[in-house]
PDB file of N, CA and C in Angstrom:
ATOM      1  N   UNK A   1       0.845  -1.190   0.000  1.00  0.00           N
ATOM      2  CA  UNK A   1       0.000   0.000   0.000  1.00  0.00           C
ATOM      3  C   UNK A   1       0.884   1.245   0.000  1.00  0.00           C
ATOM      4  N   UNK A   2       0.388   2.282  -0.629  1.00  0.00           N
ATOM      5  CA  UNK A   2       1.139   3.526  -0.667  1.00  0.00           C
ATOM      6  C   UNK A   2       0.793   4.374   0.538  1.00  0.00           C
ATOM      7  N   UNK A   3       1.685   5.319   0.823  1.00  0.00           N
ATOM      8  CA  UNK A   3       1.483   6.174   1.991  1.00  0.00           C
ATOM      9  C   UNK A   3       0.268   7.064   1.880  1.00  0.00           C
ATOM     10  N   UNK A   4      -0.147   7.404   0.656  1.00  0.00           N
ATOM     11  CA  UNK A   4      -1.279   8.323   0.512  1.00  0.00           C
ATOM     12  C   UNK A   4      -2.615   7.597   0.492  1.00  0.00           C
ATOM     13  N   UNK A   5      -2.637   6.320   0.830  1.00  0.00           N
ATOM     14  CA  UNK A   5      -3.892   5.558   0.878  1.00  0.00           C
ATOM     15  C   UNK A   5      -4.682   5.994   2.105  1.00  0.00           C
ATOM     16  N   UNK A   6      -5.955   6.302   1.885  1.00  0.00           N
ATOM     17  CA  UNK A   6      -6.818   6.732   2.980  1.00  0.00           C
ATOM     18  C   UNK A   6      -8.106   5.914   2.971  1.00  0.00           C
ATOM     19  N   UNK A   7      -8.851   6.029   4.058  1.00  0.00           N
ATOM     20  CA  UNK A   7     -10.146   5.347   4.196  1.00  0.00           C
ATOM     21  C   UNK A   7     -11.137   6.359   4.748  1.00  0.00           C
ATOM     22  N   UNK A   8     -12.242   6.543   4.034  1.00  0.00           N
ATOM     23  CA  UNK A   8     -13.293   7.468   4.461  1.00  0.00           C
ATOM     24  C   UNK A   8     -14.570   6.684   4.739  1.00  0.00           C
ATOM     25  N   UNK A   9     -15.176   6.951   5.887  1.00  0.00           N
ATOM     26  CA  UNK A   9     -16.451   6.340   6.276  1.00  0.00           C
ATOM     27  C   UNK A   9     -17.500   7.431   6.112  1.00  0.00           C
ATOM     28  N   UNK A  10     -18.472   7.195   5.248  1.00  0.00           N
ATOM     29  CA  UNK A  10     -19.395   8.240   4.803  1.00  0.00           C
ATOM     30  C   UNK A  10     -20.837   7.855   5.121  1.00  0.00           C
ATOM     31  N   UNK A  11     -21.604   8.846   5.596  1.00  0.00           N
ATOM     32  CA  UNK A  11     -23.049   8.686   5.810  1.00  0.00           C
ATOM     33  C   UNK A  11     -23.757   9.764   5.005  1.00  0.00           C
ATOM     34  N   UNK A  12     -24.691   9.343   4.151  1.00  0.00           N
ATOM     35  CA  UNK A  12     -25.390  10.264   3.258  1.00  0.00           C
ATOM     36  C   UNK A  12     -26.868  10.258   3.610  1.00  0.00           C
ATOM     37  N   UNK A  13     -27.431  11.454   3.813  1.00  0.00           N
ATOM     38  CA  UNK A  13     -28.859  11.554   4.126  1.00  0.00           C
ATOM     39  C   UNK A  13     -29.584  12.357   3.057  1.00  0.00           C
ATOM     40  N   UNK A  14     -30.882  12.159   3.006  1.00  0.00           N
ATOM     41  CA  UNK A  14     -31.733  12.794   2.006  1.00  0.00           C
ATOM     42  C   UNK A  14     -32.570  11.717   1.336  1.00  0.00           C
ATOM     43  N   UNK A  15     -32.959  11.976   0.094  1.00  0.00           N
ATOM     44  CA  UNK A  15     -33.660  10.956  -0.679  1.00  0.00           C
ATOM     45  C   UNK A  15     -32.587  10.143  -1.395  1.00  0.00           C
ATOM     46  N   UNK A  16     -32.100   9.105  -0.698  1.00  0.00           N
ATOM     47  CA  UNK A  16     -30.969   8.337  -1.210  1.00  0.00           C
ATOM     48  C   UNK A  16     -31.239   6.832  -1.243  1.00  0.00           C
ATOM     49  N   UNK A  17     -32.456   6.435  -0.905  1.00  0.00           N
ATOM     50  CA  UNK A  17     -32.835   5.028  -1.027  1.00  0.00           C
ATOM     51  C   UNK A  17     -33.942   4.907  -2.055  1.00  0.00           C
ATOM     52  N   UNK A  18     -33.886   3.851  -2.855  1.00  0.00           N
ATOM     53  CA  UNK A  18     -34.882   3.643  -3.905  1.00  0.00           C
ATOM     54  C   UNK A  18     -34.642   4.501  -5.136  1.00  0.00           C
ATOM     55  N   UNK A  19     -33.441   5.071  -5.250  1.00  0.00           N
ATOM     56  CA  UNK A  19     -33.122   5.947  -6.384  1.00  0.00           C
ATOM     57  C   UNK A  19     -31.811   5.532  -7.057  1.00  0.00           C
ATOM     58  N   UNK A  20     -31.451   4.251  -6.911  1.00  0.00           N
ATOM     59  CA  UNK A  20     -30.222   3.685  -7.489  1.00  0.00           C
ATOM     60  C   UNK A  20     -28.956   4.323  -6.929  1.00  0.00           C
ATOM     61  N   UNK A  21     -29.012   4.831  -5.726  1.00  0.00           N
ATOM     62  CA  UNK A  21     -27.834   5.463  -5.133  1.00  0.00           C
ATOM     63  C   UNK A  21     -26.715   4.448  -4.907  1.00  0.00           C
ATOM     64  N   UNK A  22     -27.044   3.281  -4.354  1.00  0.00           N
ATOM     65  CA  UNK A  22     -26.003   2.283  -4.079  1.00  0.00           C
ATOM     66  C   UNK A  22     -25.350   1.787  -5.362  1.00  0.00           C
ATOM     67  N   UNK A  23     -26.151   1.437  -6.359  1.00  0.00           N
ATOM     68  CA  UNK A  23     -25.598   0.940  -7.623  1.00  0.00           C
ATOM     69  C   UNK A  23     -24.749   2.011  -8.307  1.00  0.00           C
ATOM     70  N   UNK A  24     -25.207   3.254  -8.256  1.00  0.00           N
ATOM     71  CA  UNK A  24     -24.445   4.348  -8.857  1.00  0.00           C
ATOM     72  C   UNK A  24     -23.147   4.594  -8.098  1.00  0.00           C
ATOM     73  N   UNK A  25     -23.196   4.441  -6.770  1.00  0.00           N
ATOM     74  CA  UNK A  25     -21.983   4.592  -5.961  1.00  0.00           C
ATOM     75  C   UNK A  25     -20.976   3.513  -6.341  1.00  0.00           C
ATOM     76  N   UNK A  26     -21.446   2.279  -6.457  1.00  0.00           N
ATOM     77  CA  UNK A  26     -20.565   1.177  -6.862  1.00  0.00           C
ATOM     78  C   UNK A  26     -19.917   1.473  -8.208  1.00  0.00           C
ATOM     79  N   UNK A  27     -20.712   1.905  -9.177  1.00  0.00           N
ATOM     80  CA  UNK A  27     -20.184   2.178 -10.512  1.00  0.00           C
ATOM     81  C   UNK A  27     -19.162   3.311 -10.484  1.00  0.00           C
ATOM     82  N   UNK A  28     -19.467   4.381  -9.735  1.00  0.00           N
ATOM     83  CA  UNK A  28     -18.542   5.517  -9.643  1.00  0.00           C
ATOM     84  C   UNK A  28     -17.251   5.113  -8.931  1.00  0.00           C
ATOM     85  N   UNK A  29     -17.367   4.321  -7.882  1.00  0.00           N
ATOM     86  CA  UNK A  29     -16.173   3.882  -7.143  1.00  0.00           C
ATOM     87  C   UNK A  29     -15.278   3.026  -8.033  1.00  0.00           C
ATOM     88  N   UNK A  30     -15.876   2.150  -8.787  1.00  0.00           N
ATOM     89  CA  UNK A  30     -15.089   1.311  -9.690  1.00  0.00           C
ATOM     90  C   UNK A  30     -14.412   2.156 -10.760  1.00  0.00           C
ATOM     91  N   UNK A  31     -15.107   3.171 -11.274  1.00  0.00           N
ATOM     92  CA  UNK A  31     -14.509   4.069 -12.268  1.00  0.00           C
ATOM     93  C   UNK A  31     -13.322   4.820 -11.694  1.00  0.00           C
ATOM     94  N   UNK A  32     -13.407   5.189 -10.408  1.00  0.00           N
ATOM     95  CA  UNK A  32     -12.324   5.922  -9.752  1.00  0.00           C
ATOM     96  C   UNK A  32     -11.233   5.002  -9.194  1.00  0.00           C
ATOM     97  N   UNK A  33     -11.439   3.690  -9.259  1.00  0.00           N
ATOM     98  CA  UNK A  33     -10.460   2.752  -8.737  1.00  0.00           C
ATOM     99  C   UNK A  33     -10.409   2.730  -7.214  1.00  0.00           C
ATOM    100  N   UNK A  34     -11.575   2.955  -6.591  1.00  0.00           N
ATOM    101  CA  UNK A  34     -11.670   3.011  -5.131  1.00  0.00           C
ATOM    102  C   UNK A  34     -12.295   1.711  -4.620  1.00  0.00           C
ATOM    103  N   UNK A  35     -11.730   1.168  -3.548  1.00  0.00           N
ATOM    104  CA  UNK A  35     -12.262  -0.040  -2.922  1.00  0.00           C
ATOM    105  C   UNK A  35     -13.262   0.352  -1.833  1.00  0.00           C
ATOM    106  N   UNK A  36     -14.052  -0.644  -1.374  1.00  0.00           N
ATOM    107  CA  UNK A  36     -14.960  -0.407  -0.254  1.00  0.00           C
ATOM    108  C   UNK A  36     -16.307  -1.051  -0.450  1.00  0.00           C
ATOM    109  N   UNK A  37     -17.305  -0.428   0.140  1.00  0.00           N
ATOM    110  CA  UNK A  37     -18.662  -0.967   0.086  1.00  0.00           C
ATOM    111  C   UNK A  37     -19.676   0.147   0.341  1.00  0.00           C
ATOM    112  N   UNK A  38     -20.962  -0.166   0.041  1.00  0.00           N
ATOM    113  CA  UNK A  38     -22.060   0.770   0.272  1.00  0.00           C
ATOM    114  C   UNK A  38     -23.286  -0.034   0.680  1.00  0.00           C
ATOM    115  N   UNK A  39     -24.108   0.530   1.575  1.00  0.00           N
ATOM    116  CA  UNK A  39     -25.333  -0.151   2.000  1.00  0.00           C
ATOM    117  C   UNK A  39     -26.370   0.864   2.466  1.00  0.00           C
ATOM    118  N   UNK A  40     -27.641   0.437   2.438  1.00  0.00           N
ATOM    119  CA  UNK A  40     -28.728   1.226   3.000  1.00  0.00           C
ATOM    120  C   UNK A  40     -28.793   0.995   4.501  1.00  0.00           C
ATOM    121  N   UNK A  41     -29.183   2.022   5.240  1.00  0.00           N
ATOM    122  CA  UNK A  41     -29.429   1.891   6.671  1.00  0.00           C
ATOM    123  C   UNK A  41     -30.926   1.970   6.937  1.00  0.00           C
ATOM    124  N   UNK A  42     -31.348   1.386   8.045  1.00  0.00           N
ATOM    125  CA  UNK A  42     -32.779   1.372   8.389  1.00  0.00           C
ATOM    126  C   UNK A  42     -33.359   2.770   8.589  1.00  0.00           C
ATOM    127  N   UNK A  43     -32.501   3.757   8.917  1.00  0.00           N
ATOM    128  CA  UNK A  43     -32.999   5.114   9.164  1.00  0.00           C
ATOM    129  C   UNK A  43     -33.121   5.963   7.892  1.00  0.00           C
ATOM    130  N   UNK A  44     -32.912   5.341   6.717  1.00  0.00           N
ATOM    131  CA  UNK A  44     -33.076   6.059   5.452  1.00  0.00           C
ATOM    132  C   UNK A  44     -31.790   6.605   4.871  1.00  0.00           C
ATOM    133  N   UNK A  45     -30.695   6.538   5.624  1.00  0.00           N
ATOM    134  CA  UNK A  45     -29.414   7.006   5.107  1.00  0.00           C
ATOM    135  C   UNK A  45     -28.721   5.898   4.321  1.00  0.00           C
ATOM    136  N   UNK A  46     -27.669   6.294   3.619  1.00  0.00           N
ATOM    137  CA  UNK A  46     -26.771   5.348   2.963  1.00  0.00           C
ATOM    138  C   UNK A  46     -25.419   5.479   3.648  1.00  0.00           C
ATOM    139  N   UNK A  47     -24.794   4.338   3.927  1.00  0.00           N
ATOM    140  CA  UNK A  47     -23.465   4.283   4.542  1.00  0.00           C
ATOM    141  C   UNK A  47     -22.500   3.717   3.513  1.00  0.00           C
ATOM    142  N   UNK A  48     -21.314   4.296   3.427  1.00  0.00           N
ATOM    143  CA  UNK A  48     -20.312   3.793   2.492  1.00  0.00           C
ATOM    144  C   UNK A  48     -18.921   3.927   3.101  1.00  0.00           C
ATOM    145  N   UNK A  49     -18.031   3.070   2.646  1.00  0.00           N
ATOM    146  CA  UNK A  49     -16.613   3.156   2.981  1.00  0.00           C
ATOM    147  C   UNK A  49     -15.855   3.201   1.668  1.00  0.00           C
ATOM    148  N   UNK A  50     -14.961   4.176   1.545  1.00  0.00           N
ATOM    149  CA  UNK A  50     -14.113   4.320   0.364  1.00  0.00           C
ATOM    150  C   UNK A  50     -12.666   4.223   0.812  1.00  0.00           C
ATOM    151  N   UNK A  51     -11.894   3.390   0.139  1.00  0.00           N
ATOM    152  CA  UNK A  51     -10.489   3.230   0.485  1.00  0.00           C
ATOM    153  C   UNK A  51      -9.650   3.212  -0.777  1.00  0.00           C
ATOM    154  N   UNK A  52      -8.570   3.977  -0.756  1.00  0.00           N
ATOM    155  CA  UNK A  52      -7.684   4.039  -1.905  1.00  0.00           C
ATOM    156  C   UNK A  52      -6.809   5.265  -1.817  1.00  0.00           C
ATOM    157  N   UNK A  53      -6.212   5.643  -2.936  1.00  0.00           N
ATOM    158  CA  UNK A  53      -5.400   6.867  -2.962  1.00  0.00           C
ATOM    159  C   UNK A  53      -6.248   8.083  -2.601  1.00  0.00           C
ATOM    160  N   UNK A  54      -5.622   9.065  -1.992  1.00  0.00           N
ATOM    161  CA  UNK A  54      -6.338  10.235  -1.482  1.00  0.00           C
ATOM    162  C   UNK A  54      -7.198  10.930  -2.541  1.00  0.00           C
ATOM    163  N   UNK A  55      -6.649  11.186  -3.722  1.00  0.00           N
ATOM    164  CA  UNK A  55      -7.394  11.903  -4.761  1.00  0.00           C
ATOM    165  C   UNK A  55      -8.688  11.218  -5.155  1.00  0.00           C
ATOM    166  N   UNK A  56      -8.641   9.940  -5.516  1.00  0.00           N
ATOM    167  CA  UNK A  56      -9.875   9.247  -5.883  1.00  0.00           C
ATOM    168  C   UNK A  56     -10.881   9.123  -4.736  1.00  0.00           C
ATOM    169  N   UNK A  57     -10.400   8.913  -3.508  1.00  0.00           N
ATOM    170  CA  UNK A  57     -11.328   8.834  -2.368  1.00  0.00           C
ATOM    171  C   UNK A  57     -12.017  10.177  -2.168  1.00  0.00           C
ATOM    172  N   UNK A  58     -11.258  11.269  -2.228  1.00  0.00           N
ATOM    173  CA  UNK A  58     -11.860  12.604  -2.091  1.00  0.00           C
ATOM    174  C   UNK A  58     -12.844  12.872  -3.225  1.00  0.00           C
ATOM    175  N   UNK A  59     -12.550  12.376  -4.427  1.00  0.00           N
ATOM    176  CA  UNK A  59     -13.483  12.539  -5.557  1.00  0.00           C
ATOM    177  C   UNK A  59     -14.789  11.797  -5.287  1.00  0.00           C
ATOM    178  N   UNK A  60     -14.696  10.628  -4.661  1.00  0.00           N
ATOM    179  CA  UNK A  60     -15.916   9.882  -4.329  1.00  0.00           C
ATOM    180  C   UNK A  60     -16.735  10.603  -3.262  1.00  0.00           C
ATOM    181  N   UNK A  61     -16.069  11.212  -2.301  1.00  0.00           N
ATOM    182  CA  UNK A  61     -16.793  11.980  -1.281  1.00  0.00           C
ATOM    183  C   UNK A  61     -17.543  13.130  -1.950  1.00  0.00           C
ATOM    184  N   UNK A  62     -16.889  13.810  -2.863  1.00  0.00           N
ATOM    185  CA  UNK A  62     -17.555  14.888  -3.602  1.00  0.00           C
ATOM    186  C   UNK A  62     -18.723  14.347  -4.408  1.00  0.00           C
ATOM    187  N   UNK A  63     -18.528  13.200  -5.042  1.00  0.00           N
ATOM    188  CA  UNK A  63     -19.592  12.572  -5.827  1.00  0.00           C
ATOM    189  C   UNK A  63     -20.819  12.324  -4.958  1.00  0.00           C
ATOM    190  N   UNK A  64     -20.613  11.934  -3.710  1.00  0.00           N
ATOM    191  CA  UNK A  64     -21.727  11.618  -2.804  1.00  0.00           C
ATOM    192  C   UNK A  64     -22.657  12.808  -2.576  1.00  0.00           C
ATOM    193  N   UNK A  65     -22.159  14.022  -2.733  1.00  0.00           N
ATOM    194  CA  UNK A  65     -22.989  15.209  -2.527  1.00  0.00           C
ATOM    195  C   UNK A  65     -24.084  15.334  -3.586  1.00  0.00           C
ATOM    196  N   UNK A  66     -23.903  14.676  -4.722  1.00  0.00           N
ATOM    197  CA  UNK A  66     -24.917  14.655  -5.767  1.00  0.00           C
ATOM    198  C   UNK A  66     -25.517  13.264  -5.895  1.00  0.00           C
ATOM    199  N   UNK A  67     -24.664  12.270  -6.024  1.00  0.00           N
ATOM    200  CA  UNK A  67     -25.114  10.883  -6.091  1.00  0.00           C
ATOM    201  C   UNK A  67     -25.788  10.541  -7.396  1.00  0.00           C
ATOM    202  N   UNK A  68     -26.716   9.609  -7.327  1.00  0.00           N
ATOM    203  CA  UNK A  68     -27.414   9.158  -8.531  1.00  0.00           C
ATOM    204  C   UNK A  68     -28.318  10.259  -9.080  1.00  0.00           C
ATOM    205  N   UNK A  69     -28.716  10.067 -10.303  1.00  0.00           N
ATOM    206  CA  UNK A  69     -29.511  11.093 -11.005  1.00  0.00           C
ATOM    207  C   UNK A  69     -30.795  11.453 -10.269  1.00  0.00           C
ATOM    208  N   UNK A  70     -31.451  10.483  -9.645  1.00  0.00           N
ATOM    209  CA  UNK A  70     -32.738  10.734  -8.993  1.00  0.00           C
ATOM    210  C   UNK A  70     -32.611  11.086  -7.508  1.00  0.00           C
ATOM    211  N   UNK A  71     -31.397  11.048  -6.974  1.00  0.00           N
ATOM    212  CA  UNK A  71     -31.195  11.316  -5.544  1.00  0.00           C
ATOM    213  C   UNK A  71     -31.311  12.806  -5.244  1.00  0.00           C
ATOM    214  N   UNK A  72     -31.643  13.089  -3.993  1.00  0.00           N
ATOM    215  CA  UNK A  72     -31.633  14.455  -3.472  1.00  0.00           C
ATOM    216  C   UNK A  72     -30.904  14.402  -2.129  1.00  0.00           C
ATOM    217  N   UNK A  73     -29.647  14.809  -2.141  1.00  0.00           N
ATOM    218  CA  UNK A  73     -28.787  14.679  -0.965  1.00  0.00           C
ATOM    219  C   UNK A  73     -28.921  15.900  -0.073  1.00  0.00           C
ATOM    220  N   UNK A  74     -29.182  15.653   1.218  1.00  0.00           N
ATOM    221  CA  UNK A  74     -29.266  16.726   2.208  1.00  0.00           C
ATOM    222  C   UNK A  74     -27.944  16.936   2.933  1.00  0.00           C
ATOM    223  N   UNK A  75     -27.239  15.845   3.242  1.00  0.00           N
ATOM    224  CA  UNK A  75     -26.012  15.969   4.028  1.00  0.00           C
ATOM    225  C   UNK A  75     -25.096  14.783   3.758  1.00  0.00           C
ATOM    226  N   UNK A  76     -23.798  15.037   3.820  1.00  0.00           N
ATOM    227  CA  UNK A  76     -22.779  14.001   3.713  1.00  0.00           C
ATOM    228  C   UNK A  76     -21.833  14.167   4.893  1.00  0.00           C
ATOM    229  N   UNK A  77     -21.831  13.176   5.773  1.00  0.00           N
ATOM    230  CA  UNK A  77     -20.924  13.186   6.914  1.00  0.00           C
ATOM    231  C   UNK A  77     -19.758  12.254   6.643  1.00  0.00           C
ATOM    232  N   UNK A  78     -18.540  12.702   6.957  1.00  0.00           N
ATOM    233  CA  UNK A  78     -17.341  11.928   6.655  1.00  0.00           C
ATOM    234  C   UNK A  78     -16.455  11.842   7.882  1.00  0.00           C
ATOM    235  N   UNK A  79     -15.958  10.649   8.156  1.00  0.00           N
ATOM    236  CA  UNK A  79     -14.895  10.480   9.146  1.00  0.00           C
ATOM    237  C   UNK A  79     -13.805   9.647   8.491  1.00  0.00           C
ATOM    238  N   UNK A  80     -12.578   9.882   8.903  1.00  0.00           N
ATOM    239  CA  UNK A  80     -11.444   9.174   8.320  1.00  0.00           C
ATOM    240  C   UNK A  80     -10.932   8.136   9.306  1.00  0.00           C
ATOM    241  N   UNK A  81     -10.576   6.971   8.762  1.00  0.00           N
ATOM    242  CA  UNK A  81     -10.114   5.845   9.562  1.00  0.00           C
ATOM    243  C   UNK A  81      -8.809   5.326   8.963  1.00  0.00           C
ATOM    244  N   UNK A  82      -8.145   4.466   9.686  1.00  0.00           N
ATOM    245  CA  UNK A  82      -6.948   3.828   9.150  1.00  0.00           C
ATOM    246  C   UNK A  82      -7.349   2.841   8.059  1.00  0.00           C
ATOM    247  N   UNK A  83      -6.641   2.836   6.935  1.00  0.00           N
ATOM    248  CA  UNK A  83      -6.940   1.889   5.864  1.00  0.00           C
ATOM    249  C   UNK A  83      -6.783   0.450   6.357  1.00  0.00           C
ATOM    250  N   UNK A  84      -7.606  -0.453   5.808  1.00  0.00           N
ATOM    251  CA  UNK A  84      -7.576  -1.859   6.210  1.00  0.00           C
ATOM    252  C   UNK A  84      -7.138  -2.779   5.081  1.00  0.00           C
ATOM    253  N   UNK A  85      -6.789  -2.208   3.927  1.00  0.00           N
ATOM    254  CA  UNK A  85      -6.387  -3.037   2.796  1.00  0.00           C
ATOM    255  C   UNK A  85      -7.552  -3.572   2.005  1.00  0.00           C
ATOM    256  N   UNK A  86      -8.683  -2.892   2.085  1.00  0.00           N
ATOM    257  CA  UNK A  86      -9.903  -3.268   1.350  1.00  0.00           C
ATOM    258  C   UNK A  86      -9.577  -3.380  -0.140  1.00  0.00           C
ATOM    259  N   UNK A  87     -10.190  -4.361  -0.815  1.00  0.00           N
ATOM    260  CA  UNK A  87     -10.050  -4.473  -2.265  1.00  0.00           C
ATOM    261  C   UNK A  87     -11.429  -4.726  -2.873  1.00  0.00           C
ATOM    262  N   UNK A  88     -11.622  -4.242  -4.087  1.00  0.00           N
ATOM    263  CA  UNK A  88     -12.907  -4.375  -4.756  1.00  0.00           C
ATOM    264  C   UNK A  88     -13.947  -3.454  -4.133  1.00  0.00           C
ATOM    265  N   UNK A  89     -15.085  -3.338  -4.792  1.00  0.00           N
ATOM    266  CA  UNK A  89     -16.169  -2.510  -4.268  1.00  0.00           C
ATOM    267  C   UNK A  89     -17.473  -3.270  -4.418  1.00  0.00           C
ATOM    268  N   UNK A  90     -18.264  -3.318  -3.345  1.00  0.00           N
ATOM    269  CA  UNK A  90     -19.498  -4.096  -3.389  1.00  0.00           C
ATOM    270  C   UNK A  90     -20.665  -3.371  -2.728  1.00  0.00           C
ATOM    271  N   UNK A  91     -21.845  -3.747  -3.167  1.00  0.00           N
ATOM    272  CA  UNK A  91     -23.076  -3.303  -2.523  1.00  0.00           C
ATOM    273  C   UNK A  91     -23.398  -4.328  -1.451  1.00  0.00           C
ATOM    274  N   UNK A  92     -23.557  -3.857  -0.235  1.00  0.00           N
ATOM    275  CA  UNK A  92     -23.933  -4.751   0.881  1.00  0.00           C
ATOM    276  C   UNK A  92     -25.417  -4.651   1.108  1.00  0.00           C
ATOM    277  N   UNK A  93     -26.002  -5.765   1.585  1.00  0.00           N
ATOM    278  CA  UNK A  93     -27.451  -5.818   1.847  1.00  0.00           C
ATOM    279  C   UNK A  93     -27.743  -5.768   3.290  1.00  0.00           C
TER     280      UNK A  93
END
């Protein structure tokens, strides 16, 4: 792993469930070469973890502010954690 590898834990609120937000997040993460996962939460938010080089991870955080075409994002909360060596990107159920 490179020194600039970071891990961001993200919570997105708004109209983000039932609007292809998770699938779009997966597609965008794969395009950016970012590892991690995304899932819906029972409270209506979406939770995601992005891990990879700093630039692509920060690009994914920015992407979350808009999300899928039908989403309406109210807030994006981010905390940074130590990278765990995550590989691939998946939608969790």
